[in-house]
Amino acid sequence: MMSYTVNVARQVLRDVEEAVFYKRELGIYPKNIEKFIMNLDTLMYDKLENSPLIGTSLSYRLDVSTNIRYLMEDDYTLFYDVQDNEKK
């Protein structure tokens, strides 16, 4: 089975850092924050690498044709697109 290369934009990493910051400021238990980070890491680097179409097409929510897909993790929405030329 061919897997895909996952390229994570710097903005995504900054957004995750910001989400973690807000969770800390809200007093979320550290173990729950760790779990959130681990789940996002698994989602971005394992699940999307092997099954990039697991997310829902944004076209289902908007009346616009787009290749953008999204997934929910906890209270975080991850938007991404799949580029066929990025297979390993």
PDB file of N, CA and C in Angstrom:
ATOM      1  N   MET A   1       0.852  -1.176   0.000  1.00  0.00           N
ATOM      2  CA  MET A   1       0.000   0.000   0.000  1.00  0.00           C
ATOM      3  C   MET A   1       0.895   1.235   0.000  1.00  0.00           C
ATOM      4  N   MET A   2       0.558   2.172  -0.860  1.00  0.00           N
ATOM      5  CA  MET A   2       1.305   3.421  -0.932  1.00  0.00           C
ATOM      6  C   MET A   2       0.874   4.332   0.206  1.00  0.00           C
ATOM      7  N   SER A   3       1.839   4.977   0.805  1.00  0.00           N
ATOM      8  CA  SER A   3       1.494   5.957   1.833  1.00  0.00           C
ATOM      9  C   SER A   3       1.826   7.344   1.295  1.00  0.00           C
ATOM     10  N   TYR A   4       1.260   8.331   1.923  1.00  0.00           N
ATOM     11  CA  TYR A   4       1.437   9.718   1.512  1.00  0.00           C
ATOM     12  C   TYR A   4       2.458  10.397   2.408  1.00  0.00           C
ATOM     13  N   THR A   5       3.109  11.406   1.871  1.00  0.00           N
ATOM     14  CA  THR A   5       3.983  12.252   2.659  1.00  0.00           C
ATOM     15  C   THR A   5       3.118  13.333   3.296  1.00  0.00           C
ATOM     16  N   VAL A   6       3.272  13.519   4.579  1.00  0.00           N
ATOM     17  CA  VAL A   6       2.513  14.550   5.280  1.00  0.00           C
ATOM     18  C   VAL A   6       3.426  15.756   5.474  1.00  0.00           C
ATOM     19  N   ASN A   7       3.053  16.869   4.870  1.00  0.00           N
ATOM     20  CA  ASN A   7       3.781  18.127   5.033  1.00  0.00           C
ATOM     21  C   ASN A   7       2.944  19.029   5.926  1.00  0.00           C
ATOM     22  N   VAL A   8       3.469  19.357   7.074  1.00  0.00           N
ATOM     23  CA  VAL A   8       2.737  20.182   8.035  1.00  0.00           C
ATOM     24  C   VAL A   8       3.248  21.619   7.938  1.00  0.00           C
ATOM     25  N   ALA A   9       2.345  22.527   7.661  1.00  0.00           N
ATOM     26  CA  ALA A   9       2.712  23.943   7.543  1.00  0.00           C
ATOM     27  C   ALA A   9       3.100  24.502   8.910  1.00  0.00           C
ATOM     28  N   ARG A  10       3.995  25.459   8.905  1.00  0.00           N
ATOM     29  CA  ARG A  10       4.415  26.103  10.160  1.00  0.00           C
ATOM     30  C   ARG A  10       3.226  26.693  10.905  1.00  0.00           C
ATOM     31  N   GLN A  11       2.266  27.218  10.144  1.00  0.00           N
ATOM     32  CA  GLN A  11       1.087  27.811  10.774  1.00  0.00           C
ATOM     33  C   GLN A  11       0.311  26.774  11.578  1.00  0.00           C
ATOM     34  N   VAL A  12       0.265  25.541  11.092  1.00  0.00           N
ATOM     35  CA  VAL A  12      -0.426  24.474  11.835  1.00  0.00           C
ATOM     36  C   VAL A  12       0.268  24.247  13.167  1.00  0.00           C
ATOM     37  N   LEU A  13       1.589  24.199  13.142  1.00  0.00           N
ATOM     38  CA  LEU A  13       2.339  23.985  14.381  1.00  0.00           C
ATOM     39  C   LEU A  13       2.127  25.142  15.353  1.00  0.00           C
ATOM     40  N   ARG A  14       2.102  26.370  14.831  1.00  0.00           N
ATOM     41  CA  ARG A  14       1.825  27.531  15.691  1.00  0.00           C
ATOM     42  C   ARG A  14       0.413  27.457  16.261  1.00  0.00           C
ATOM     43  N   ASP A  15      -0.538  27.028  15.441  1.00  0.00           N
ATOM     44  CA  ASP A  15      -1.922  26.903  15.915  1.00  0.00           C
ATOM     45  C   ASP A  15      -2.037  25.873  17.032  1.00  0.00           C
ATOM     46  N   VAL A  16      -1.317  24.767  16.893  1.00  0.00           N
ATOM     47  CA  VAL A  16      -1.339  23.738  17.940  1.00  0.00           C
ATOM     48  C   VAL A  16      -0.724  24.291  19.219  1.00  0.00           C
ATOM     49  N   GLU A  17       0.405  24.995  19.093  1.00  0.00           N
ATOM     50  CA  GLU A  17       1.025  25.608  20.273  1.00  0.00           C
ATOM     51  C   GLU A  17       0.063  26.578  20.954  1.00  0.00           C
ATOM     52  N   GLU A  18      -0.659  27.345  20.154  1.00  0.00           N
ATOM     53  CA  GLU A  18      -1.618  28.296  20.705  1.00  0.00           C
ATOM     54  C   GLU A  18      -2.780  27.571  21.392  1.00  0.00           C
ATOM     55  N   ALA A  19      -3.242  26.485  20.793  1.00  0.00           N
ATOM     56  CA  ALA A  19      -4.325  25.704  21.406  1.00  0.00           C
ATOM     57  C   ALA A  19      -3.875  25.136  22.749  1.00  0.00           C
ATOM     58  N   VAL A  20      -2.634  24.654  22.807  1.00  0.00           N
ATOM     59  CA  VAL A  20      -2.090  24.121  24.061  1.00  0.00           C
ATOM     60  C   VAL A  20      -1.981  25.239  25.095  1.00  0.00           C
ATOM     61  N   PHE A  21      -1.513  26.411  24.671  1.00  0.00           N
ATOM     62  CA  PHE A  21      -1.418  27.559  25.575  1.00  0.00           C
ATOM     63  C   PHE A  21      -2.781  27.871  26.192  1.00  0.00           C
ATOM     64  N   TYR A  22      -3.816  27.951  25.363  1.00  0.00           N
ATOM     65  CA  TYR A  22      -5.153  28.273  25.869  1.00  0.00           C
ATOM     66  C   TYR A  22      -5.686  27.185  26.782  1.00  0.00           C
ATOM     67  N   LYS A  23      -5.402  25.935  26.458  1.00  0.00           N
ATOM     68  CA  LYS A  23      -5.845  24.840  27.327  1.00  0.00           C
ATOM     69  C   LYS A  23      -5.178  24.957  28.699  1.00  0.00           C
ATOM     70  N   ARG A  24      -3.890  25.316  28.713  1.00  0.00           N
ATOM     71  CA  ARG A  24      -3.196  25.501  30.000  1.00  0.00           C
ATOM     72  C   ARG A  24      -3.811  26.658  30.778  1.00  0.00           C
ATOM     73  N   GLU A  25      -4.059  27.765  30.076  1.00  0.00           N
ATOM     74  CA  GLU A  25      -4.633  28.945  30.724  1.00  0.00           C
ATOM     75  C   GLU A  25      -6.038  28.678  31.258  1.00  0.00           C
ATOM     76  N   LEU A  26      -6.766  27.790  30.603  1.00  0.00           N
ATOM     77  CA  LEU A  26      -8.113  27.441  31.059  1.00  0.00           C
ATOM     78  C   LEU A  26      -8.095  26.463  32.229  1.00  0.00           C
ATOM     79  N   GLY A  27      -6.901  25.964  32.550  1.00  0.00           N
ATOM     80  CA  GLY A  27      -6.777  25.052  33.678  1.00  0.00           C
ATOM     81  C   GLY A  27      -7.085  23.605  33.340  1.00  0.00           C
ATOM     82  N   ILE A  28      -6.964  23.247  32.063  1.00  0.00           N
ATOM     83  CA  ILE A  28      -7.173  21.860  31.655  1.00  0.00           C
ATOM     84  C   ILE A  28      -6.080  21.010  32.299  1.00  0.00           C
ATOM     85  N   TYR A  29      -6.457  19.820  32.761  1.00  0.00           N
ATOM     86  CA  TYR A  29      -5.487  18.925  33.386  1.00  0.00           C
ATOM     87  C   TYR A  29      -4.334  18.633  32.430  1.00  0.00           C
ATOM     88  N   PRO A  30      -3.092  18.656  32.944  1.00  0.00           N
ATOM     89  CA  PRO A  30      -1.926  18.390  32.089  1.00  0.00           C
ATOM     90  C   PRO A  30      -2.019  17.061  31.334  1.00  0.00           C
ATOM     91  N   LYS A  31      -2.568  16.026  31.974  1.00  0.00           N
ATOM     92  CA  LYS A  31      -2.689  14.733  31.280  1.00  0.00           C
ATOM     93  C   LYS A  31      -3.610  14.846  30.068  1.00  0.00           C
ATOM     94  N   ASN A  32      -4.663  15.652  30.179  1.00  0.00           N
ATOM     95  CA  ASN A  32      -5.573  15.837  29.045  1.00  0.00           C
ATOM     96  C   ASN A  32      -4.912  16.625  27.921  1.00  0.00           C
ATOM     97  N   ILE A  33      -4.045  17.558  28.288  1.00  0.00           N
ATOM     98  CA  ILE A  33      -3.303  18.310  27.273  1.00  0.00           C
ATOM     99  C   ILE A  33      -2.324  17.380  26.566  1.00  0.00           C
ATOM    100  N   GLU A  34      -1.633  16.544  27.322  1.00  0.00           N
ATOM    101  CA  GLU A  34      -0.714  15.569  26.726  1.00  0.00           C
ATOM    102  C   GLU A  34      -1.461  14.646  25.775  1.00  0.00           C
ATOM    103  N   LYS A  35      -2.631  14.197  26.187  1.00  0.00           N
ATOM    104  CA  LYS A  35      -3.446  13.311  25.346  1.00  0.00           C
ATOM    105  C   LYS A  35      -3.849  14.027  24.058  1.00  0.00           C
ATOM    106  N   PHE A  36      -4.241  15.292  24.170  1.00  0.00           N
ATOM    107  CA  PHE A  36      -4.602  16.100  23.006  1.00  0.00           C
ATOM    108  C   PHE A  36      -3.429  16.175  22.026  1.00  0.00           C
ATOM    109  N   ILE A  37      -2.229  16.457  22.532  1.00  0.00           N
ATOM    110  CA  ILE A  37      -1.036  16.561  21.690  1.00  0.00           C
ATOM    111  C   ILE A  37      -0.731  15.223  21.026  1.00  0.00           C
ATOM    112  N   MET A  38      -0.793  14.151  21.795  1.00  0.00           N
ATOM    113  CA  MET A  38      -0.519  12.813  21.250  1.00  0.00           C
ATOM    114  C   MET A  38      -1.538  12.442  20.172  1.00  0.00           C
ATOM    115  N   ASN A  39      -2.809  12.737  20.419  1.00  0.00           N
ATOM    116  CA  ASN A  39      -3.849  12.414  19.440  1.00  0.00           C
ATOM    117  C   ASN A  39      -3.662  13.200  18.145  1.00  0.00           C
ATOM    118  N   LEU A  40      -3.315  14.478  18.263  1.00  0.00           N
ATOM    119  CA  LEU A  40      -3.056  15.283  17.061  1.00  0.00           C
ATOM    120  C   LEU A  40      -1.836  14.767  16.311  1.00  0.00           C
ATOM    121  N   ASP A  41      -0.796  14.412  17.038  1.00  0.00           N
ATOM    122  CA  ASP A  41       0.416  13.876  16.432  1.00  0.00           C
ATOM    123  C   ASP A  41       0.105  12.591  15.665  1.00  0.00           C
ATOM    124  N   THR A  42      -0.637  11.692  16.299  1.00  0.00           N
ATOM    125  CA  THR A  42      -1.020  10.435  15.653  1.00  0.00           C
ATOM    126  C   THR A  42      -1.870  10.705  14.422  1.00  0.00           C
ATOM    127  N   LEU A  43      -2.794  11.629  14.559  1.00  0.00           N
ATOM    128  CA  LEU A  43      -3.671  11.972  13.441  1.00  0.00           C
ATOM    129  C   LEU A  43      -2.874  12.517  12.263  1.00  0.00           C
ATOM    130  N   MET A  44      -2.008  13.481  12.519  1.00  0.00           N
ATOM    131  CA  MET A  44      -1.281  14.145  11.436  1.00  0.00           C
ATOM    132  C   MET A  44      -0.217  13.258  10.804  1.00  0.00           C
ATOM    133  N   TYR A  45       0.500  12.494  11.611  1.00  0.00           N
ATOM    134  CA  TYR A  45       1.658  11.785  11.076  1.00  0.00           C
ATOM    135  C   TYR A  45       1.435  10.306  10.825  1.00  0.00           C
ATOM    136  N   ASP A  46       0.417   9.707  11.378  1.00  0.00           N
ATOM    137  CA  ASP A  46       0.166   8.284  11.146  1.00  0.00           C
ATOM    138  C   ASP A  46      -1.098   8.065  10.320  1.00  0.00           C
ATOM    139  N   LYS A  47      -2.209   8.553  10.825  1.00  0.00           N
ATOM    140  CA  LYS A  47      -3.487   8.296  10.156  1.00  0.00           C
ATOM    141  C   LYS A  47      -3.554   8.948   8.778  1.00  0.00           C
ATOM    142  N   LEU A  48      -3.171  10.208   8.680  1.00  0.00           N
ATOM    143  CA  LEU A  48      -3.239  10.878   7.381  1.00  0.00           C
ATOM    144  C   LEU A  48      -2.224  10.314   6.396  1.00  0.00           C
ATOM    145  N   GLU A  49      -1.097   9.843   6.900  1.00  0.00           N
ATOM    146  CA  GLU A  49      -0.091   9.256   6.022  1.00  0.00           C
ATOM    147  C   GLU A  49      -0.636   8.019   5.319  1.00  0.00           C
ATOM    148  N   ASN A  50      -1.421   7.235   6.031  1.00  0.00           N
ATOM    149  CA  ASN A  50      -1.933   5.987   5.473  1.00  0.00           C
ATOM    150  C   ASN A  50      -3.333   6.105   4.880  1.00  0.00           C
ATOM    151  N   SER A  51      -4.148   6.994   5.407  1.00  0.00           N
ATOM    152  CA  SER A  51      -5.539   7.137   4.951  1.00  0.00           C
ATOM    153  C   SER A  51      -5.909   8.614   4.848  1.00  0.00           C
ATOM    154  N   PRO A  52      -5.378   9.306   3.848  1.00  0.00           N
ATOM    155  CA  PRO A  52      -5.595  10.749   3.783  1.00  0.00           C
ATOM    156  C   PRO A  52      -7.038  11.176   3.516  1.00  0.00           C
ATOM    157  N   LEU A  53      -7.874  10.261   3.090  1.00  0.00           N
ATOM    158  CA  LEU A  53      -9.256  10.629   2.785  1.00  0.00           C
ATOM    159  C   LEU A  53     -10.202  10.393   3.954  1.00  0.00           C
ATOM    160  N   ILE A  54      -9.664  10.173   5.161  1.00  0.00           N
ATOM    161  CA  ILE A  54     -10.535   9.923   6.315  1.00  0.00           C
ATOM    162  C   ILE A  54     -11.305  11.160   6.737  1.00  0.00           C
ATOM    163  N   GLY A  55     -10.815  12.318   6.394  1.00  0.00           N
ATOM    164  CA  GLY A  55     -11.513  13.554   6.749  1.00  0.00           C
ATOM    165  C   GLY A  55     -12.713  13.796   5.844  1.00  0.00           C
ATOM    166  N   THR A  56     -13.546  14.707   6.251  1.00  0.00           N
ATOM    167  CA  THR A  56     -14.737  15.076   5.490  1.00  0.00           C
ATOM    168  C   THR A  56     -14.401  16.201   4.520  1.00  0.00           C
ATOM    169  N   SER A  57     -14.923  16.109   3.320  1.00  0.00           N
ATOM    170  CA  SER A  57     -14.702  17.163   2.338  1.00  0.00           C
ATOM    171  C   SER A  57     -15.405  18.440   2.784  1.00  0.00           C
ATOM    172  N   LEU A  58     -14.691  19.535   2.715  1.00  0.00           N
ATOM    173  CA  LEU A  58     -15.266  20.825   3.084  1.00  0.00           C
ATOM    174  C   LEU A  58     -16.391  21.218   2.120  1.00  0.00           C
ATOM    175  N   SER A  59     -16.390  20.635   0.931  1.00  0.00           N
ATOM    176  CA  SER A  59     -17.451  20.898  -0.045  1.00  0.00           C
ATOM    177  C   SER A  59     -18.821  20.486   0.475  1.00  0.00           C
ATOM    178  N   TYR A  60     -18.859  19.537   1.394  1.00  0.00           N
ATOM    179  CA  TYR A  60     -20.141  19.122   1.974  1.00  0.00           C
ATOM    180  C   TYR A  60     -20.729  20.207   2.874  1.00  0.00           C
ATOM    181  N   ARG A  61     -19.888  21.071   3.410  1.00  0.00           N
ATOM    182  CA  ARG A  61     -20.339  22.131   4.322  1.00  0.00           C
ATOM    183  C   ARG A  61     -20.523  23.471   3.607  1.00  0.00           C
ATOM    184  N   LEU A  62     -19.781  23.649   2.532  1.00  0.00           N
ATOM    185  CA  LEU A  62     -19.844  24.902   1.774  1.00  0.00           C
ATOM    186  C   LEU A  62     -20.382  24.623   0.378  1.00  0.00           C
ATOM    187  N   ASP A  63     -20.964  25.592  -0.216  1.00  0.00           N
ATOM    188  CA  ASP A  63     -21.473  25.438  -1.575  1.00  0.00           C
ATOM    189  C   ASP A  63     -20.396  25.841  -2.579  1.00  0.00           C
ATOM    190  N   VAL A  64     -19.194  25.305  -2.367  1.00  0.00           N
ATOM    191  CA  VAL A  64     -18.038  25.627  -3.199  1.00  0.00           C
ATOM    192  C   VAL A  64     -17.263  24.338  -3.437  1.00  0.00           C
ATOM    193  N   SER A  65     -16.790  24.151  -4.641  1.00  0.00           N
ATOM    194  CA  SER A  65     -15.970  22.987  -4.942  1.00  0.00           C
ATOM    195  C   SER A  65     -14.551  23.226  -4.416  1.00  0.00           C
ATOM    196  N   THR A  66     -14.069  22.308  -3.585  1.00  0.00           N
ATOM    197  CA  THR A  66     -12.727  22.441  -3.007  1.00  0.00           C
ATOM    198  C   THR A  66     -12.161  21.063  -2.695  1.00  0.00           C
ATOM    199  N   ASN A  67     -10.846  20.967  -2.681  1.00  0.00           N
ATOM    200  CA  ASN A  67     -10.172  19.723  -2.300  1.00  0.00           C
ATOM    201  C   ASN A  67      -9.854  19.689  -0.811  1.00  0.00           C
ATOM    202  N   ILE A  68     -10.154  20.750  -0.109  1.00  0.00           N
ATOM    203  CA  ILE A  68      -9.852  20.838   1.320  1.00  0.00           C
ATOM    204  C   ILE A  68     -10.728  19.857   2.088  1.00  0.00           C
ATOM    205  N   ARG A  69     -10.116  19.176   3.044  1.00  0.00           N
ATOM    206  CA  ARG A  69     -10.818  18.235   3.910  1.00  0.00           C
ATOM    207  C   ARG A  69     -10.577  18.681   5.353  1.00  0.00           C
ATOM    208  N   TYR A  70     -11.366  18.145   6.276  1.00  0.00           N
ATOM    209  CA  TYR A  70     -11.160  18.504   7.675  1.00  0.00           C
ATOM    210  C   TYR A  70     -11.467  17.330   8.589  1.00  0.00           C
ATOM    211  N   LEU A  71     -10.835  17.364   9.750  1.00  0.00           N
ATOM    212  CA  LEU A  71     -11.021  16.383  10.817  1.00  0.00           C
ATOM    213  C   LEU A  71     -11.144  17.129  12.132  1.00  0.00           C
ATOM    214  N   MET A  72     -11.875  16.550  13.039  1.00  0.00           N
ATOM    215  CA  MET A  72     -12.007  17.119  14.383  1.00  0.00           C
ATOM    216  C   MET A  72     -11.204  16.261  15.364  1.00  0.00           C
ATOM    217  N   GLU A  73     -10.475  16.917  16.231  1.00  0.00           N
ATOM    218  CA  GLU A  73      -9.774  16.245  17.330  1.00  0.00           C
ATOM    219  C   GLU A  73     -10.017  17.069  18.571  1.00  0.00           C
ATOM    220  N   ASP A  74     -10.754  16.487  19.502  1.00  0.00           N
ATOM    221  CA  ASP A  74     -11.138  17.207  20.705  1.00  0.00           C
ATOM    222  C   ASP A  74     -11.938  18.432  20.267  1.00  0.00           C
ATOM    223  N   ASP A  75     -11.479  19.623  20.556  1.00  0.00           N
ATOM    224  CA  ASP A  75     -12.182  20.828  20.108  1.00  0.00           C
ATOM    225  C   ASP A  75     -11.373  21.567  19.038  1.00  0.00           C
ATOM    226  N   TYR A  76     -10.515  20.841  18.356  1.00  0.00           N
ATOM    227  CA  TYR A  76      -9.611  21.407  17.362  1.00  0.00           C
ATOM    228  C   TYR A  76     -10.018  20.888  15.985  1.00  0.00           C
ATOM    229  N   THR A  77     -10.130  21.767  15.014  1.00  0.00           N
ATOM    230  CA  THR A  77     -10.444  21.372  13.643  1.00  0.00           C
ATOM    231  C   THR A  77      -9.179  21.472  12.807  1.00  0.00           C
ATOM    232  N   LEU A  78      -8.817  20.366  12.172  1.00  0.00           N
ATOM    233  CA  LEU A  78      -7.623  20.307  11.334  1.00  0.00           C
ATOM    234  C   LEU A  78      -8.065  20.314   9.873  1.00  0.00           C
ATOM    235  N   PHE A  79      -7.669  21.337   9.127  1.00  0.00           N
ATOM    236  CA  PHE A  79      -7.967  21.434   7.700  1.00  0.00           C
ATOM    237  C   PHE A  79      -6.728  20.987   6.930  1.00  0.00           C
ATOM    238  N   TYR A  80      -6.939  20.271   5.832  1.00  0.00           N
ATOM    239  CA  TYR A  80      -5.807  19.801   5.032  1.00  0.00           C
ATOM    240  C   TYR A  80      -6.264  19.512   3.611  1.00  0.00           C
ATOM    241  N   ASP A  81      -5.295  19.355   2.720  1.00  0.00           N
ATOM    242  CA  ASP A  81      -5.621  18.895   1.378  1.00  0.00           C
ATOM    243  C   ASP A  81      -4.689  17.758   1.012  1.00  0.00           C
ATOM    244  N   VAL A  82      -5.131  16.947   0.073  1.00  0.00           N
ATOM    245  CA  VAL A  82      -4.370  15.781  -0.374  1.00  0.00           C
ATOM    246  C   VAL A  82      -3.837  16.094  -1.761  1.00  0.00           C
ATOM    247  N   GLN A  83      -2.538  15.928  -1.910  1.00  0.00           N
ATOM    248  CA  GLN A  83      -1.905  16.157  -3.203  1.00  0.00           C
ATOM    249  C   GLN A  83      -1.412  14.817  -3.716  1.00  0.00           C
ATOM    250  N   ASP A  84      -1.950  14.366  -4.832  1.00  0.00           N
ATOM    251  CA  ASP A  84      -1.621  13.042  -5.368  1.00  0.00           C
ATOM    252  C   ASP A  84      -0.134  12.848  -5.617  1.00  0.00           C
ATOM    253  N   ASN A  85       0.571  13.902  -5.929  1.00  0.00           N
ATOM    254  CA  ASN A  85       1.997  13.775  -6.225  1.00  0.00           C
ATOM    255  C   ASN A  85       2.859  13.666  -4.973  1.00  0.00           C
ATOM    256  N   GLU A  86       2.247  13.584  -3.808  1.00  0.00           N
ATOM    257  CA  GLU A  86       3.008  13.519  -2.568  1.00  0.00           C
ATOM    258  C   GLU A  86       3.104  12.103  -2.005  1.00  0.00           C
ATOM    259  N   LYS A  87       2.826  11.081  -2.831  1.00  0.00           N
ATOM    260  CA  LYS A  87       2.945   9.706  -2.348  1.00  0.00           C
ATOM    261  C   LYS A  87       4.413   9.339  -2.189  1.00  0.00           C
ATOM    262  N   LYS A  88       4.672   8.479  -1.211  1.00  0.00           N
ATOM    263  CA  LYS A  88       6.048   8.005  -0.991  1.00  0.00           C
ATOM    264  C   LYS A  88       6.391   6.948  -2.020  1.00  0.00           C
TER     265      LYS A  88
END
